[in-house]
Amino acid sequence: MLIEFKIKNFASIKSVQTLSMIASADDTLEDYYIMQHGNLKLLKLAVLYGPNASGKTTILKALDFLRQLVLNPKNQKSDTLNFLPFQFDETSKKEPSWMQISFLQNQIKYDYEVLFTQKCVLEEKLHYYPKVAVEIKQNTDLKDYSKQQDYYHKTNLYKVLYPLLENALKNAAFLEKD
């Protein structure tokens, strides 16, 4: 179940925009539209509305882009990610885009964050917890695609993660589905 989705520098969206499924304090029709998970009250449904060209479709396209990034990874190093950053100022065109999604699956809360350009995934993080927060993190150096910075080099995870990160395509999410 979706908790929150945030995007920045994606298509017509420049600054951080958030789609939140966290319910307000209003308890009207709570039995029908609210799901309780611990102290978290989540909406079972949401409606996006607003004037034309206000970003409603862009939010849905961003969700689909993130889904595609994880479920349908690129096969070739030369493949580019199919999106455009915000195009209406020169600075945004050169900056990476960012997405973060929080969701519940099997009573476990996940926070996934990815920073990317059209050429590569620069950074991604996955936190999951009910009890202990675990972080898996990948970094790509834009100047040297072969250089991977593994933040677990001081732990036993280094021996497992470094070979995987070293061989990962830089234009695909490391945490992609098999």
C-alpha atoms as a PDB file:
ATOM      1  CA  MET A   1       0.000   0.000   0.000  1.00  0.00           C
ATOM      2  CA  LEU A   2       1.324   3.424  -0.971  1.00  0.00           C
ATOM      3  CA  ILE A   3       2.176   5.793   1.871  1.00  0.00           C
ATOM      4  CA  GLU A   4       3.867   8.632   0.017  1.00  0.00           C
ATOM      5  CA  PHE A   5       5.454   9.417  -3.349  1.00  0.00           C
ATOM      6  CA  LYS A   6       7.756  12.395  -3.962  1.00  0.00           C
ATOM      7  CA  ILE A   7       9.311  13.646  -7.187  1.00  0.00           C
ATOM      8  CA  LYS A   8      11.653  16.448  -8.197  1.00  0.00           C
ATOM      9  CA  ASN A   9      12.966  17.635 -11.570  1.00  0.00           C
ATOM     10  CA  PHE A  10      10.837  15.321 -13.677  1.00  0.00           C
ATOM     11  CA  ALA A  11       9.048  16.532 -16.830  1.00  0.00           C
ATOM     12  CA  SER A  12       6.961  19.589 -15.878  1.00  0.00           C
ATOM     13  CA  ILE A  13       7.730  19.258 -12.158  1.00  0.00           C
ATOM     14  CA  LYS A  14      10.693  21.320 -10.955  1.00  0.00           C
ATOM     15  CA  SER A  15      10.519  21.425  -7.150  1.00  0.00           C
ATOM     16  CA  VAL A  16       9.561  18.568  -4.828  1.00  0.00           C
ATOM     17  CA  GLN A  17       5.926  17.508  -5.156  1.00  0.00           C
ATOM     18  CA  THR A  18       4.315  14.962  -2.850  1.00  0.00           C
ATOM     19  CA  LEU A  19       1.420  12.577  -3.254  1.00  0.00           C
ATOM     20  CA  SER A  20       0.552  11.509   0.294  1.00  0.00           C
ATOM     21  CA  MET A  21      -1.871   8.794   1.327  1.00  0.00           C
ATOM     22  CA  ILE A  22      -1.613   9.705   5.014  1.00  0.00           C
ATOM     23  CA  ALA A  23      -5.090  10.496   6.305  1.00  0.00           C
ATOM     24  CA  SER A  24      -5.981  13.771   7.965  1.00  0.00           C
ATOM     25  CA  ALA A  25      -7.515  13.959  11.451  1.00  0.00           C
ATOM     26  CA  ASP A  26     -11.015  14.019   9.919  1.00  0.00           C
ATOM     27  CA  ASP A  27     -12.757  10.767  10.837  1.00  0.00           C
ATOM     28  CA  THR A  28     -15.700  11.090   8.408  1.00  0.00           C
ATOM     29  CA  LEU A  29     -16.358   7.688   6.792  1.00  0.00           C
ATOM     30  CA  GLU A  30     -13.188   6.362   8.420  1.00  0.00           C
ATOM     31  CA  ASP A  31     -14.479   2.774   8.348  1.00  0.00           C
ATOM     32  CA  TYR A  32     -14.704   2.880   4.551  1.00  0.00           C
ATOM     33  CA  TYR A  33     -11.703   4.926   3.431  1.00  0.00           C
ATOM     34  CA  ILE A  34      -8.998   4.500   6.078  1.00  0.00           C
ATOM     35  CA  MET A  35      -6.612   1.623   6.759  1.00  0.00           C
ATOM     36  CA  GLN A  36      -4.811   1.518  10.102  1.00  0.00           C
ATOM     37  CA  HIS A  37      -1.201   0.275  10.341  1.00  0.00           C
ATOM     38  CA  GLY A  38       0.129   0.845  13.844  1.00  0.00           C
ATOM     39  CA  ASN A  39      -0.145   4.594  14.434  1.00  0.00           C
ATOM     40  CA  LEU A  40      -0.315   5.247  10.704  1.00  0.00           C
ATOM     41  CA  LYS A  41      -3.723   5.990   9.177  1.00  0.00           C
ATOM     42  CA  LEU A  42      -3.691   5.601   5.384  1.00  0.00           C
ATOM     43  CA  LEU A  43      -6.254   6.462   2.738  1.00  0.00           C
ATOM     44  CA  LYS A  44      -7.470   3.519   0.678  1.00  0.00           C
ATOM     45  CA  LEU A  45      -8.032   5.748  -2.358  1.00  0.00           C
ATOM     46  CA  ALA A  46      -7.119   9.180  -3.650  1.00  0.00           C
ATOM     47  CA  VAL A  47      -8.269  11.539  -6.369  1.00  0.00           C
ATOM     48  CA  LEU A  48      -5.942  13.859  -8.274  1.00  0.00           C
ATOM     49  CA  TYR A  49      -7.707  17.000  -9.389  1.00  0.00           C
ATOM     50  CA  GLY A  50      -6.752  20.465 -10.498  1.00  0.00           C
ATOM     51  CA  PRO A  51      -6.657  22.745 -13.515  1.00  0.00           C
ATOM     52  CA  ASN A  52      -5.298  21.664 -16.876  1.00  0.00           C
ATOM     53  CA  ALA A  53      -1.482  21.547 -17.066  1.00  0.00           C
ATOM     54  CA  SER A  54      -1.071  21.467 -13.277  1.00  0.00           C
ATOM     55  CA  GLY A  55       0.932  18.194 -13.166  1.00  0.00           C
ATOM     56  CA  LYS A  56      -1.684  15.508 -12.509  1.00  0.00           C
ATOM     57  CA  THR A  57      -0.626  13.341 -15.439  1.00  0.00           C
ATOM     58  CA  THR A  58       3.059  13.971 -14.727  1.00  0.00           C
ATOM     59  CA  ILE A  59       2.670  12.479 -11.241  1.00  0.00           C
ATOM     60  CA  LEU A  60       1.096   9.355 -12.749  1.00  0.00           C
ATOM     61  CA  LYS A  61       3.826   9.172 -15.418  1.00  0.00           C
ATOM     62  CA  ALA A  62       6.477   9.503 -12.711  1.00  0.00           C
ATOM     63  CA  LEU A  63       4.942   6.584 -10.782  1.00  0.00           C
ATOM     64  CA  ASP A  64       4.949   4.522 -13.970  1.00  0.00           C
ATOM     65  CA  PHE A  65       8.552   5.556 -14.728  1.00  0.00           C
ATOM     66  CA  LEU A  66       9.649   4.330 -11.288  1.00  0.00           C
ATOM     67  CA  ARG A  67       7.770   1.075 -11.814  1.00  0.00           C
ATOM     68  CA  GLN A  68       9.460   0.599 -15.200  1.00  0.00           C
ATOM     69  CA  LEU A  69      12.881   1.403 -13.751  1.00  0.00           C
ATOM     70  CA  VAL A  70      12.542  -1.430 -11.226  1.00  0.00           C
ATOM     71  CA  LEU A  71      10.534  -4.000 -13.210  1.00  0.00           C
ATOM     72  CA  ASN A  72      11.961  -3.522 -16.733  1.00  0.00           C
ATOM     73  CA  PRO A  73      15.649  -2.674 -16.414  1.00  0.00           C
ATOM     74  CA  LYS A  74      17.798  -1.532 -19.320  1.00  0.00           C
ATOM     75  CA  ASN A  75      19.777  -4.255 -21.094  1.00  0.00           C
ATOM     76  CA  GLN A  76      22.467  -2.185 -22.770  1.00  0.00           C
ATOM     77  CA  LYS A  77      24.887   0.336 -21.282  1.00  0.00           C
ATOM     78  CA  SER A  78      24.038   2.750 -24.113  1.00  0.00           C
ATOM     79  CA  ASP A  79      20.284   2.752 -23.346  1.00  0.00           C
ATOM     80  CA  THR A  80      19.004   6.012 -21.886  1.00  0.00           C
ATOM     81  CA  LEU A  81      16.272   6.405 -19.300  1.00  0.00           C
ATOM     82  CA  ASN A  82      13.060   7.525 -20.986  1.00  0.00           C
ATOM     83  CA  PHE A  83      12.238  10.874 -19.352  1.00  0.00           C
ATOM     84  CA  LEU A  84      13.141  14.549 -19.489  1.00  0.00           C
ATOM     85  CA  PRO A  85      14.092  16.667 -16.497  1.00  0.00           C
ATOM     86  CA  PHE A  86      12.403  20.045 -16.032  1.00  0.00           C
ATOM     87  CA  GLN A  87      13.175  21.948 -19.265  1.00  0.00           C
ATOM     88  CA  PHE A  88      12.195  25.536 -18.481  1.00  0.00           C
ATOM     89  CA  ASP A  89      15.452  26.657 -16.894  1.00  0.00           C
ATOM     90  CA  GLU A  90      19.052  25.824 -17.759  1.00  0.00           C
ATOM     91  CA  THR A  91      20.027  24.747 -14.237  1.00  0.00           C
ATOM     92  CA  SER A  92      17.342  22.060 -13.915  1.00  0.00           C
ATOM     93  CA  LYS A  93      18.252  20.537 -17.285  1.00  0.00           C
ATOM     94  CA  LYS A  94      21.724  19.771 -15.923  1.00  0.00           C
ATOM     95  CA  GLU A  95      20.655  18.517 -12.482  1.00  0.00           C
ATOM     96  CA  PRO A  96      19.637  14.930 -11.675  1.00  0.00           C
ATOM     97  CA  SER A  97      16.037  13.957 -11.069  1.00  0.00           C
ATOM     98  CA  TRP A  98      14.870  12.398  -7.816  1.00  0.00           C
ATOM     99  CA  MET A  99      12.056  10.154  -6.611  1.00  0.00           C
ATOM    100  CA  GLN A 100      11.171   8.679  -3.255  1.00  0.00           C
ATOM    101  CA  ILE A 101       8.413   6.224  -2.499  1.00  0.00           C
ATOM    102  CA  SER A 102       7.238   4.855   0.856  1.00  0.00           C
ATOM    103  CA  PHE A 103       4.939   1.863   0.977  1.00  0.00           C
ATOM    104  CA  LEU A 104       3.782  -1.081   3.081  1.00  0.00           C
ATOM    105  CA  GLN A 105       4.129  -4.667   1.933  1.00  0.00           C
ATOM    106  CA  ASN A 106       3.439  -7.636   4.232  1.00  0.00           C
ATOM    107  CA  GLN A 107       3.436  -5.361   7.303  1.00  0.00           C
ATOM    108  CA  ILE A 108       6.939  -4.075   6.460  1.00  0.00           C
ATOM    109  CA  LYS A 109       7.484  -0.402   5.659  1.00  0.00           C
ATOM    110  CA  TYR A 110       9.834   0.352   2.767  1.00  0.00           C
ATOM    111  CA  ASP A 111      11.371   3.678   1.755  1.00  0.00           C
ATOM    112  CA  TYR A 112      13.008   3.630  -1.682  1.00  0.00           C
ATOM    113  CA  GLU A 113      14.856   6.648  -3.056  1.00  0.00           C
ATOM    114  CA  VAL A 114      16.558   7.036  -6.429  1.00  0.00           C
ATOM    115  CA  LEU A 115      18.607   9.864  -7.980  1.00  0.00           C
ATOM    116  CA  PHE A 116      19.151   9.614 -11.738  1.00  0.00           C
ATOM    117  CA  THR A 117      19.923  11.287 -15.050  1.00  0.00           C
ATOM    118  CA  GLN A 118      18.993  10.122 -18.540  1.00  0.00           C
ATOM    119  CA  LYS A 119      22.336   8.286 -18.703  1.00  0.00           C
ATOM    120  CA  CYS A 120      22.501   6.532 -15.352  1.00  0.00           C
ATOM    121  CA  VAL A 121      21.172   5.853 -11.885  1.00  0.00           C
ATOM    122  CA  LEU A 122      23.394   7.966  -9.659  1.00  0.00           C
ATOM    123  CA  GLU A 123      22.223   6.813  -6.275  1.00  0.00           C
ATOM    124  CA  GLU A 124      19.576   4.611  -4.779  1.00  0.00           C
ATOM    125  CA  LYS A 125      18.682   3.730  -1.218  1.00  0.00           C
ATOM    126  CA  LEU A 126      16.309   1.219   0.285  1.00  0.00           C
ATOM    127  CA  HIS A 127      15.267   1.317   3.936  1.00  0.00           C
ATOM    128  CA  TYR A 128      12.942  -1.288   5.345  1.00  0.00           C
ATOM    129  CA  TYR A 129      11.811  -1.877   8.874  1.00  0.00           C
ATOM    130  CA  PRO A 130       9.348  -2.645  11.428  1.00  0.00           C
ATOM    131  CA  LYS A 131      12.073  -3.137  14.042  1.00  0.00           C
ATOM    132  CA  VAL A 132      15.497  -2.327  12.608  1.00  0.00           C
ATOM    133  CA  ALA A 133      16.210   0.050   9.749  1.00  0.00           C
ATOM    134  CA  VAL A 134      18.394  -1.524   7.090  1.00  0.00           C
ATOM    135  CA  GLU A 135      19.856   0.529   4.283  1.00  0.00           C
ATOM    136  CA  ILE A 136      21.118  -0.696   0.949  1.00  0.00           C
ATOM    137  CA  LYS A 137      22.795   2.077  -0.981  1.00  0.00           C
ATOM    138  CA  GLN A 138      24.431   2.363  -4.376  1.00  0.00           C
ATOM    139  CA  ASN A 139      26.373   5.330  -5.721  1.00  0.00           C
ATOM    140  CA  THR A 140      27.604   5.922  -9.268  1.00  0.00           C
ATOM    141  CA  ASP A 141      30.321   8.437 -10.037  1.00  0.00           C
ATOM    142  CA  LEU A 142      29.279  10.269 -13.227  1.00  0.00           C
ATOM    143  CA  LYS A 143      32.891  10.924 -14.277  1.00  0.00           C
ATOM    144  CA  ASP A 144      33.920   7.268 -14.013  1.00  0.00           C
ATOM    145  CA  TYR A 145      31.085   4.773 -14.545  1.00  0.00           C
ATOM    146  CA  SER A 146      33.282   1.867 -13.498  1.00  0.00           C
ATOM    147  CA  LYS A 147      33.852   3.399 -10.048  1.00  0.00           C
ATOM    148  CA  GLN A 148      31.289   2.249  -7.485  1.00  0.00           C
ATOM    149  CA  GLN A 149      31.253   3.634  -3.980  1.00  0.00           C
ATOM    150  CA  ASP A 150      29.942   1.004  -1.587  1.00  0.00           C
ATOM    151  CA  TYR A 151      29.041   2.393   1.797  1.00  0.00           C
ATOM    152  CA  TYR A 152      29.305  -1.028   3.424  1.00  0.00           C
ATOM    153  CA  HIS A 153      33.059  -1.468   3.096  1.00  0.00           C
ATOM    154  CA  LYS A 154      33.359  -1.547   6.877  1.00  0.00           C
ATOM    155  CA  THR A 155      30.854  -4.403   7.220  1.00  0.00           C
ATOM    156  CA  ASN A 156      30.500  -7.984   6.052  1.00  0.00           C
ATOM    157  CA  LEU A 157      28.007  -6.813   3.416  1.00  0.00           C
ATOM    158  CA  TYR A 158      30.926  -5.345   1.458  1.00  0.00           C
ATOM    159  CA  LYS A 159      32.052  -8.781   0.303  1.00  0.00           C
ATOM    160  CA  VAL A 160      28.577  -9.537  -1.032  1.00  0.00           C
ATOM    161  CA  LEU A 161      27.494  -6.143  -2.400  1.00  0.00           C
ATOM    162  CA  TYR A 162      30.686  -4.826  -4.024  1.00  0.00           C
ATOM    163  CA  PRO A 163      30.910  -7.483  -6.782  1.00  0.00           C
ATOM    164  CA  LEU A 164      27.212  -6.955  -7.549  1.00  0.00           C
ATOM    165  CA  LEU A 165      27.573  -3.172  -7.691  1.00  0.00           C
ATOM    166  CA  GLU A 166      30.766  -3.369  -9.747  1.00  0.00           C
ATOM    167  CA  ASN A 167      29.004  -5.344 -12.490  1.00  0.00           C
ATOM    168  CA  ALA A 168      25.657  -3.514 -12.407  1.00  0.00           C
ATOM    169  CA  LEU A 169      24.541  -1.500 -15.407  1.00  0.00           C
ATOM    170  CA  LYS A 170      24.729   2.175 -14.498  1.00  0.00           C
ATOM    171  CA  ASN A 171      21.462   2.973 -16.311  1.00  0.00           C
ATOM    172  CA  ALA A 172      19.490   0.382 -14.350  1.00  0.00           C
ATOM    173  CA  ALA A 173      18.334   0.249 -10.767  1.00  0.00           C
ATOM    174  CA  PHE A 174      20.457  -2.058  -8.640  1.00  0.00           C
ATOM    175  CA  LEU A 175      17.337  -3.053  -6.712  1.00  0.00           C
ATOM    176  CA  GLU A 176      15.535  -4.147  -9.858  1.00  0.00           C
ATOM    177  CA  LYS A 177      13.240  -7.160  -9.920  1.00  0.00           C
ATOM    178  CA  ASP A 178      14.785 -10.369 -11.344  1.00  0.00           C
END
